[in-house]
Amino acid sequence: MNEDEGMITFGPVPSRRLGKSLGINNIPPKICTYACIYCQLGRTLKMQIDRKPYYSTETIVSGVKERLKELKKRGERVDYLTFVPDGEPTLDLNLKNHILALKSFGIKIAVITNSSLIADEDVKESLKLADWVSFKVDAVTEDIWRKIDRSHGKIKLEEILRGIKDFSKDFNGTLVTETMLVNGINNKIEELEDVSGFIANIKADMAYISVPTRPPAENWVKPPSEYDIYVAFDIFKNKGFNVELLIGYEGNAFAFTGDVEEDLLSITSVHPMREDAVEEYLKKAKSGWDKVEKLLEDGRLIRVNYNNTNFYLRKLS
């Protein structure tokens, strides 16, 4: 067991979802239930489904305590303590004890999970203690799910989906989903309709759509086109729940900072903007359309025509 407290925490990092998030590494690197084709951390080193204890709760708490002490000296705030390790956090048999102990700091707790072990009752009970939980929902069709997430052979998709539904019924915190779109794998209309239909049924507070923006585990993995990203956004939005894009830009979304170009990039990385909305924004900012033309010319913003309406999205890196 590695008791190095310096390896336990990292950040805080700016997060559109969680503000200033202090990350907690409760699993050694690349121990996971999946070997996702798009993983930005590289290929899974050890695939397993058996839950085990890794770090003691005392070590986790001590690591967080020391980091919070340092941050307080520097005048930095922390909005969430977030379990987001280099592997799957629910593989940690001590997760429940960690969460209970960390509540003493009076900071909200988040867990970002790939959903694979949610059928386990102890995992459900552990996650219910958190304030914010993110479930990965890349696909709801067996063959597509296997292609993109490359799960451990003993994991069953139907059990995961049933587990998420059961969890959502009596979870009192914030429940969000994240769907990573990979070109040619899970961005077909039929699958997007099915995924968004599932998310609508669990009444998620927010559904995030993301794309690979960093080097993936498999070099053939590519993000969909900006047009396809907008189509996915539209399909999700039409199901009646909140949806946002996560396409690599962490900025001050929907906040006028005085820098019109950066504000537009920030907003359009989360929500595609109709042309009339852009015009209205520019009017409020007392700025002109030349700002949009410059971003288009620089290749930082793109124009997509969908159903005879122009929309503007941030260009993928």
Protein backbone atom coordinates (compact mmCIF):
# COMPACT_ATOMS: atom_id res chain seq x y z
CA MET A 1 0.00 0.00 0.00
CA ASN A 2 1.40 3.38 -1.01
CA GLU A 3 0.99 5.73 1.92
CA ASP A 4 2.54 8.75 0.21
CA GLU A 5 0.14 11.56 1.03
CA GLY A 6 1.61 13.67 -1.74
CA MET A 7 0.11 11.29 -4.26
CA ILE A 8 -3.38 11.50 -2.78
CA THR A 9 -4.50 15.02 -3.69
CA PHE A 10 -4.02 17.34 -6.64
CA GLY A 11 -5.24 20.79 -7.58
CA PRO A 12 -7.48 22.53 -7.06
CA VAL A 13 -8.18 22.60 -10.77
CA PRO A 14 -10.75 24.91 -12.42
CA SER A 15 -13.82 22.93 -13.44
CA ARG A 16 -16.88 24.22 -15.25
CA ARG A 17 -18.89 21.58 -13.46
CA LEU A 18 -17.44 21.92 -9.97
CA GLY A 19 -15.76 25.31 -9.67
CA LYS A 20 -12.45 24.88 -7.80
CA SER A 21 -12.11 21.12 -7.44
CA LEU A 22 -9.53 19.45 -5.20
CA GLY A 23 -8.91 16.04 -6.75
CA ILE A 24 -8.48 12.87 -4.70
CA ASN A 25 -6.50 9.95 -6.09
CA ASN A 26 -7.96 7.00 -4.19
CA ILE A 27 -6.88 4.36 -6.74
CA PRO A 28 -3.33 3.61 -7.97
CA PRO A 29 -2.72 4.63 -11.60
CA LYS A 30 -4.65 2.89 -14.36
CA ILE A 31 -6.44 0.20 -12.35
CA CYS A 32 -9.86 0.20 -13.95
CA THR A 33 -12.90 -1.82 -14.95
CA TYR A 34 -12.72 -0.36 -18.47
CA ALA A 35 -10.09 0.16 -21.15
CA CYS A 36 -11.82 3.04 -22.95
CA ILE A 37 -10.55 3.72 -26.44
CA TYR A 38 -10.49 7.48 -25.75
CA CYS A 39 -8.88 7.50 -22.28
CA GLN A 40 -6.55 10.48 -22.01
CA LEU A 41 -4.47 8.65 -19.38
CA GLY A 42 -3.44 5.93 -21.80
CA ARG A 43 -4.22 2.24 -21.81
CA THR A 44 -5.45 0.46 -18.68
CA LEU A 45 -2.55 -1.26 -16.93
CA LYS A 46 -4.65 -3.57 -14.80
CA MET A 47 -8.28 -4.41 -15.50
CA GLN A 48 -10.30 -5.77 -12.59
CA ILE A 49 -13.77 -5.76 -11.08
CA ASP A 50 -12.96 -6.98 -7.56
CA ARG A 51 -13.12 -4.12 -5.07
CA LYS A 52 -10.16 -3.77 -2.72
CA PRO A 53 -8.85 -1.33 -0.11
CA TYR A 54 -5.95 0.77 -1.41
CA TYR A 55 -5.22 3.73 0.84
CA SER A 56 -6.33 3.96 4.45
CA THR A 57 -8.99 6.53 5.35
CA GLU A 58 -6.45 8.13 7.68
CA THR A 59 -4.09 8.65 4.75
CA ILE A 60 -6.82 10.14 2.56
CA VAL A 61 -7.97 12.52 5.30
CA SER A 62 -4.42 13.51 6.20
CA GLY A 63 -3.56 14.22 2.56
CA VAL A 64 -6.65 16.40 2.11
CA LYS A 65 -6.07 18.18 5.42
CA GLU A 66 -2.49 19.11 4.51
CA ARG A 67 -3.47 20.34 1.05
CA LEU A 68 -6.34 22.43 2.43
CA LYS A 69 -3.95 23.97 4.96
CA GLU A 70 -1.56 24.98 2.15
CA LEU A 71 -4.38 26.39 0.06
CA LYS A 72 -5.77 28.43 2.95
CA LYS A 73 -2.37 30.09 3.38
CA ARG A 74 -2.45 31.09 -0.28
CA GLY A 75 -6.01 32.37 -0.01
CA GLU A 76 -7.41 29.79 -2.44
CA ARG A 77 -10.90 28.37 -2.08
CA VAL A 78 -12.07 24.80 -2.66
CA ASP A 79 -15.64 24.17 -3.81
CA TYR A 80 -15.54 20.36 -4.02
CA LEU A 81 -13.44 17.44 -2.84
CA THR A 82 -13.61 15.23 -5.92
CA PHE A 83 -12.84 11.54 -6.23
CA VAL A 84 -11.40 11.46 -9.74
CA PRO A 85 -8.37 9.13 -9.67
CA ASP A 86 -6.29 7.61 -12.47
CA GLY A 87 -8.59 4.56 -12.32
CA GLU A 88 -12.19 3.78 -11.33
CA PRO A 89 -12.90 5.26 -7.85
CA THR A 90 -15.61 2.76 -6.91
CA LEU A 91 -13.05 -0.07 -7.02
CA ASP A 92 -11.99 1.29 -3.63
CA LEU A 93 -13.59 -0.84 -0.92
CA ASN A 94 -13.02 2.02 1.56
CA LEU A 95 -14.85 4.65 -0.49
CA LYS A 96 -17.77 4.89 1.94
CA ASN A 97 -15.43 5.41 4.93
CA HIS A 98 -13.43 8.03 3.01
CA ILE A 99 -16.54 10.06 2.15
CA LEU A 100 -17.92 9.89 5.68
CA ALA A 101 -14.60 11.04 7.15
CA LEU A 102 -14.14 13.87 4.64
CA LYS A 103 -17.53 15.36 5.51
CA SER A 104 -15.85 16.81 8.61
CA PHE A 105 -14.19 19.46 6.41
CA GLY A 106 -17.57 20.94 5.51
CA ILE A 107 -16.81 20.91 1.77
CA LYS A 108 -19.08 19.28 -0.79
CA ILE A 109 -17.97 15.88 -2.09
CA ALA A 110 -18.13 14.75 -5.71
CA VAL A 111 -17.45 11.39 -7.34
CA ILE A 112 -16.82 10.93 -11.06
CA THR A 113 -17.43 7.27 -11.94
CA ASN A 114 -17.60 5.24 -15.13
CA SER A 115 -20.78 3.60 -13.69
CA SER A 116 -19.47 0.05 -14.14
CA LEU A 117 -19.95 -1.11 -10.54
CA ILE A 118 -23.20 0.70 -9.71
CA ALA A 119 -25.09 -2.60 -9.54
CA ASP A 120 -23.14 -3.33 -6.33
CA GLU A 121 -25.25 -2.32 -3.31
CA ASP A 122 -22.26 -1.09 -1.30
CA VAL A 123 -21.22 1.12 -4.22
CA LYS A 124 -24.75 2.56 -4.34
CA GLU A 125 -24.72 3.29 -0.61
CA SER A 126 -21.26 4.86 -0.85
CA LEU A 127 -22.21 7.18 -3.70
CA LYS A 128 -25.42 8.24 -1.95
CA LEU A 129 -23.23 9.89 0.67
CA ALA A 130 -21.75 12.24 -1.93
CA ASP A 131 -23.23 15.62 -2.85
CA TRP A 132 -22.58 15.32 -6.59
CA VAL A 133 -22.21 12.17 -8.69
CA SER A 134 -21.33 11.87 -12.37
CA PHE A 135 -22.15 8.70 -14.29
CA LYS A 136 -20.59 7.82 -17.61
CA VAL A 137 -23.26 6.90 -20.17
CA ASP A 138 -21.40 6.50 -23.47
CA ALA A 139 -23.87 4.03 -24.96
CA VAL A 140 -26.94 1.99 -24.09
CA THR A 141 -26.52 -0.56 -26.89
CA GLU A 142 -24.38 -3.58 -26.01
CA ASP A 143 -22.10 -3.75 -29.05
CA ILE A 144 -21.47 0.00 -29.14
CA TRP A 145 -20.77 0.07 -25.41
CA ARG A 146 -18.25 -2.76 -25.77
CA LYS A 147 -16.51 -0.99 -28.67
CA ILE A 148 -16.08 2.33 -26.92
CA ASP A 149 -15.61 1.42 -23.24
CA ARG A 150 -14.04 -2.05 -23.69
CA SER A 151 -15.32 -3.26 -20.34
CA HIS A 152 -14.19 -6.18 -18.23
CA GLY A 153 -15.85 -9.29 -19.64
CA LYS A 154 -17.91 -9.98 -16.52
CA ILE A 155 -19.60 -6.59 -16.48
CA LYS A 156 -23.09 -6.45 -17.98
CA LEU A 157 -24.53 -3.28 -19.50
CA GLU A 158 -28.11 -4.10 -18.50
CA GLU A 159 -27.04 -4.30 -14.84
CA ILE A 160 -25.29 -0.93 -15.09
CA LEU A 161 -28.33 0.77 -16.60
CA ARG A 162 -30.65 -0.79 -14.05
CA GLY A 163 -28.23 0.22 -11.27
CA ILE A 164 -28.17 3.85 -12.40
CA LYS A 165 -31.98 3.92 -12.55
CA ASP A 166 -32.28 2.45 -9.05
CA PHE A 167 -29.70 4.89 -7.69
CA SER A 168 -31.44 7.90 -9.23
CA LYS A 169 -34.74 7.14 -7.49
CA ASP A 170 -33.58 8.05 -3.99
CA PHE A 171 -30.35 10.03 -4.45
CA ASN A 172 -30.77 13.45 -2.85
CA GLY A 173 -27.70 15.11 -4.35
CA THR A 174 -26.89 16.39 -7.83
CA LEU A 175 -26.87 13.67 -10.48
CA VAL A 176 -25.17 14.31 -13.82
CA THR A 177 -24.14 12.18 -16.78
CA GLU A 178 -21.28 12.43 -19.22
CA THR A 179 -21.34 11.02 -22.72
CA MET A 180 -18.06 10.95 -24.66
CA LEU A 181 -18.68 11.01 -28.40
CA VAL A 182 -16.23 9.22 -30.69
CA ASN A 183 -16.60 9.64 -34.41
CA GLY A 184 -18.08 6.60 -36.13
CA ILE A 185 -18.72 4.73 -32.86
CA ASN A 186 -21.51 6.22 -30.76
CA ASN A 187 -22.50 9.40 -32.58
CA LYS A 188 -25.12 7.86 -34.85
CA ILE A 189 -28.62 9.33 -34.55
CA GLU A 190 -30.24 6.11 -33.29
CA GLU A 191 -27.78 5.68 -30.44
CA LEU A 192 -27.97 9.34 -29.47
CA GLU A 193 -31.76 9.07 -29.30
CA ASP A 194 -31.51 5.99 -27.09
CA VAL A 195 -28.84 7.46 -24.79
CA SER A 196 -30.73 10.72 -24.34
CA GLY A 197 -33.95 8.78 -23.74
CA PHE A 198 -32.27 6.85 -20.95
CA ILE A 199 -30.92 10.05 -19.38
CA ALA A 200 -34.38 11.63 -19.51
CA ASN A 201 -35.79 8.67 -17.58
CA ILE A 202 -33.32 9.01 -14.71
CA LYS A 203 -34.07 12.74 -14.43
CA ALA A 204 -30.44 13.83 -14.45
CA ASP A 205 -29.80 17.39 -13.30
CA MET A 206 -27.40 17.87 -16.19
CA ALA A 207 -26.15 15.84 -19.15
CA TYR A 208 -22.68 16.67 -20.42
CA ILE A 209 -21.55 15.85 -23.94
CA SER A 210 -17.80 15.64 -24.36
CA VAL A 211 -15.38 14.72 -27.14
CA PRO A 212 -11.73 13.60 -27.15
CA THR A 213 -9.59 16.73 -26.94
CA ARG A 214 -6.36 15.16 -25.62
CA PRO A 215 -4.27 12.26 -26.95
CA PRO A 216 -6.46 9.12 -26.55
CA ALA A 217 -5.45 5.56 -25.66
CA GLU A 218 -5.96 4.57 -29.30
CA ASN A 219 -4.51 6.96 -31.86
CA TRP A 220 -7.28 6.26 -34.39
CA VAL A 221 -9.89 7.79 -32.09
CA LYS A 222 -11.25 11.08 -33.44
CA PRO A 223 -13.94 13.51 -32.28
CA PRO A 224 -17.08 13.98 -34.39
CA SER A 225 -17.37 17.06 -36.58
CA GLU A 226 -18.71 20.25 -35.02
CA TYR A 227 -21.90 19.72 -37.02
CA ASP A 228 -22.37 16.24 -35.52
CA ILE A 229 -21.69 17.65 -32.08
CA TYR A 230 -24.47 20.17 -32.56
CA VAL A 231 -26.84 17.46 -33.78
CA ALA A 232 -26.11 15.48 -30.60
CA PHE A 233 -26.68 18.60 -28.50
CA ASP A 234 -30.02 19.20 -30.24
CA ILE A 235 -31.17 15.60 -29.74
CA PHE A 236 -30.34 15.74 -26.02
CA LYS A 237 -31.90 19.17 -25.57
CA ASN A 238 -35.15 18.07 -27.19
CA LYS A 239 -35.56 15.42 -24.48
CA GLY A 240 -36.29 18.24 -22.03
CA PHE A 241 -33.30 18.10 -19.66
CA ASN A 242 -30.33 20.42 -19.14
CA VAL A 243 -27.41 19.73 -21.47
CA GLU A 244 -23.98 21.28 -21.86
CA LEU A 245 -20.96 20.65 -24.04
CA LEU A 246 -17.53 19.92 -22.57
CA ILE A 247 -15.17 20.44 -25.47
CA GLY A 248 -11.99 21.50 -23.78
CA TYR A 249 -12.35 25.18 -22.93
CA GLU A 250 -12.54 26.12 -19.26
CA GLY A 251 -13.62 29.75 -19.16
CA ASN A 252 -16.15 32.09 -17.66
CA ALA A 253 -19.22 30.69 -19.41
CA PHE A 254 -22.06 33.20 -19.70
CA ALA A 255 -20.12 35.86 -17.81
CA PHE A 256 -19.25 39.13 -19.52
CA THR A 257 -15.62 39.73 -18.60
CA GLY A 258 -14.92 42.62 -20.93
CA ASP A 259 -13.12 40.39 -23.45
CA VAL A 260 -15.81 39.72 -26.05
CA GLU A 261 -13.79 37.16 -28.01
CA GLU A 262 -12.98 35.05 -24.96
CA ASP A 263 -16.56 35.33 -23.71
CA LEU A 264 -17.94 34.07 -27.02
CA LEU A 265 -15.52 31.15 -27.04
CA SER A 266 -16.44 30.33 -23.46
CA ILE A 267 -20.18 30.40 -24.10
CA THR A 268 -20.08 28.48 -27.39
CA SER A 269 -17.96 25.72 -25.88
CA VAL A 270 -20.91 24.98 -23.60
CA HIS A 271 -23.96 26.04 -25.58
CA PRO A 272 -24.09 26.58 -29.35
CA MET A 273 -25.48 30.08 -29.94
CA ARG A 274 -28.06 31.00 -32.56
CA GLU A 275 -27.08 33.93 -34.74
CA ASP A 276 -29.72 36.19 -33.22
CA ALA A 277 -28.42 35.31 -29.73
CA VAL A 278 -24.89 36.28 -30.78
CA GLU A 279 -26.20 39.58 -32.15
CA GLU A 280 -28.05 40.25 -28.90
CA TYR A 281 -24.94 39.45 -26.87
CA LEU A 282 -22.80 41.79 -28.97
CA LYS A 283 -25.37 44.56 -28.53
CA LYS A 284 -25.22 44.20 -24.74
CA ALA A 285 -21.43 44.14 -24.89
CA LYS A 286 -21.49 47.25 -27.11
CA SER A 287 -19.41 45.43 -29.69
CA GLY A 288 -19.71 44.67 -33.39
CA TRP A 289 -20.01 41.65 -35.68
CA ASP A 290 -16.35 42.11 -36.66
CA LYS A 291 -15.44 40.20 -33.49
CA VAL A 292 -17.30 37.15 -34.78
CA GLU A 293 -15.74 37.46 -38.24
CA LYS A 294 -12.29 37.58 -36.67
CA LEU A 295 -12.91 34.42 -34.65
CA LEU A 296 -14.21 32.69 -37.79
CA GLU A 297 -11.17 33.78 -39.81
CA ASP A 298 -8.79 32.68 -37.05
CA GLY A 299 -10.44 29.25 -37.00
CA ARG A 300 -11.44 29.58 -33.36
CA LEU A 301 -15.18 29.71 -34.02
CA ILE A 302 -17.26 27.92 -36.65
CA ARG A 303 -20.65 28.54 -38.21
CA VAL A 304 -23.05 25.59 -38.57
CA ASN A 305 -26.32 25.77 -40.48
CA TYR A 306 -28.92 23.48 -38.94
CA ASN A 307 -32.57 23.48 -40.00
CA ASN A 308 -31.99 26.71 -41.95
CA THR A 309 -30.65 28.50 -38.89
CA ASN A 310 -27.03 29.55 -38.28
CA PHE A 311 -25.42 28.44 -35.02
CA TYR A 312 -21.96 29.25 -33.70
CA LEU A 313 -19.72 26.78 -31.87
CA ARG A 314 -16.21 26.95 -30.57
CA LYS A 315 -13.84 25.20 -32.96
CA LEU A 316 -12.26 22.05 -31.56
CA SER A 317 -8.53 22.26 -30.98
